[in-house]
Protein backbone atom coordinates (compact mmCIF):
# COMPACT_ATOMS: atom_id res chain seq x y z
CA MET A 1 11.39 10.23 -3.18
CA LEU A 2 8.20 11.43 -4.82
CA LEU A 3 6.24 10.80 -1.63
CA LEU A 4 8.31 13.39 0.22
CA THR A 5 6.87 16.14 -1.99
CA THR A 6 3.25 15.28 -1.17
CA GLY A 7 3.21 17.09 2.16
CA LEU A 8 1.80 14.11 4.05
CA PRO A 9 2.62 13.86 7.73
CA LEU A 10 5.66 11.66 8.32
CA SER A 11 3.63 9.02 10.15
CA ASP A 12 1.31 8.57 7.15
CA LEU A 13 4.26 8.68 4.78
CA PHE A 14 6.25 5.96 6.55
CA PHE A 15 3.20 3.77 7.08
CA SER A 16 2.31 4.11 3.39
CA LEU A 17 5.85 3.12 2.43
CA PHE A 18 5.59 0.11 4.72
CA MET A 19 2.26 -0.87 3.18
CA ILE A 20 3.70 -0.59 -0.33
CA LEU A 21 6.53 -2.88 0.76
CA VAL A 22 3.98 -5.34 2.17
CA THR A 23 2.09 -5.22 -1.15
CA VAL A 24 5.20 -6.15 -3.11
CA VAL A 25 6.24 -8.91 -0.69
CA MET A 26 2.75 -10.43 -0.63
CA GLY A 27 2.66 -10.41 -4.43
CA LEU A 28 6.01 -12.17 -4.61
CA VAL A 29 5.09 -14.72 -1.96
CA GLY A 30 1.79 -15.36 -3.69
CA ALA A 31 3.54 -15.85 -7.01
CA LEU A 32 5.99 -18.33 -5.50
CA THR A 33 3.40 -20.34 -3.54
CA SER A 34 2.18 -23.38 -5.42
CA SER A 35 -0.83 -24.19 -3.22
CA SER A 36 -4.24 -22.55 -3.30
CA TYR A 37 -3.18 -20.34 -0.36
CA LYS A 38 -1.58 -18.01 -2.88
CA TRP A 39 -4.87 -16.20 -3.37
CA GLY A 40 -4.83 -15.19 0.29
CA PHE A 41 -1.45 -13.54 -0.23
CA PHE A 42 -2.70 -11.72 -3.32
CA VAL A 43 -5.87 -10.54 -1.56
CA PHE A 44 -3.90 -9.30 1.44
CA GLY A 45 -1.55 -7.46 -0.94
CA LEU A 46 -4.49 -5.83 -2.71
CA ILE A 47 -6.00 -4.74 0.60
CA THR A 48 -2.74 -3.02 1.54
CA LEU A 49 -2.59 -1.39 -1.89
CA PHE A 50 -6.14 -0.07 -1.53
CA TYR A 51 -5.19 1.33 1.88
CA VAL A 52 -2.34 3.32 0.33
CA VAL A 53 -4.62 4.65 -2.41
CA LEU A 54 -7.20 5.60 0.22
CA VAL A 55 -4.61 7.52 2.24
CA PHE A 56 -3.48 9.47 -0.82
CA LEU A 57 -7.04 10.21 -1.97
CA ARG A 58 -8.00 11.35 1.52
CA PHE A 59 -5.03 13.70 1.52
CA VAL A 60 -5.91 15.10 -1.92
CA VAL A 61 -9.51 15.75 -0.88
CA SER A 62 -8.46 17.45 2.36
CA PHE A 63 -5.83 19.47 0.49
CA ASN A 64 -8.43 20.83 -1.96
CA ASP A 65 -10.79 21.96 0.81
């Protein structure tokens, strides 16, 4: 609900919500995987999290200009 107040375009908003969901799912799958492949799930989850942070920071910088 907080994302709706940011003023992001809906395409960025929905894609960011999807990426946050992917972050959570990858973290859960990585936690439940007993092999060494779990680190791949965690890394992929972190990459999606960094993407979301990048989108929000890009919006804040463009909003201040």
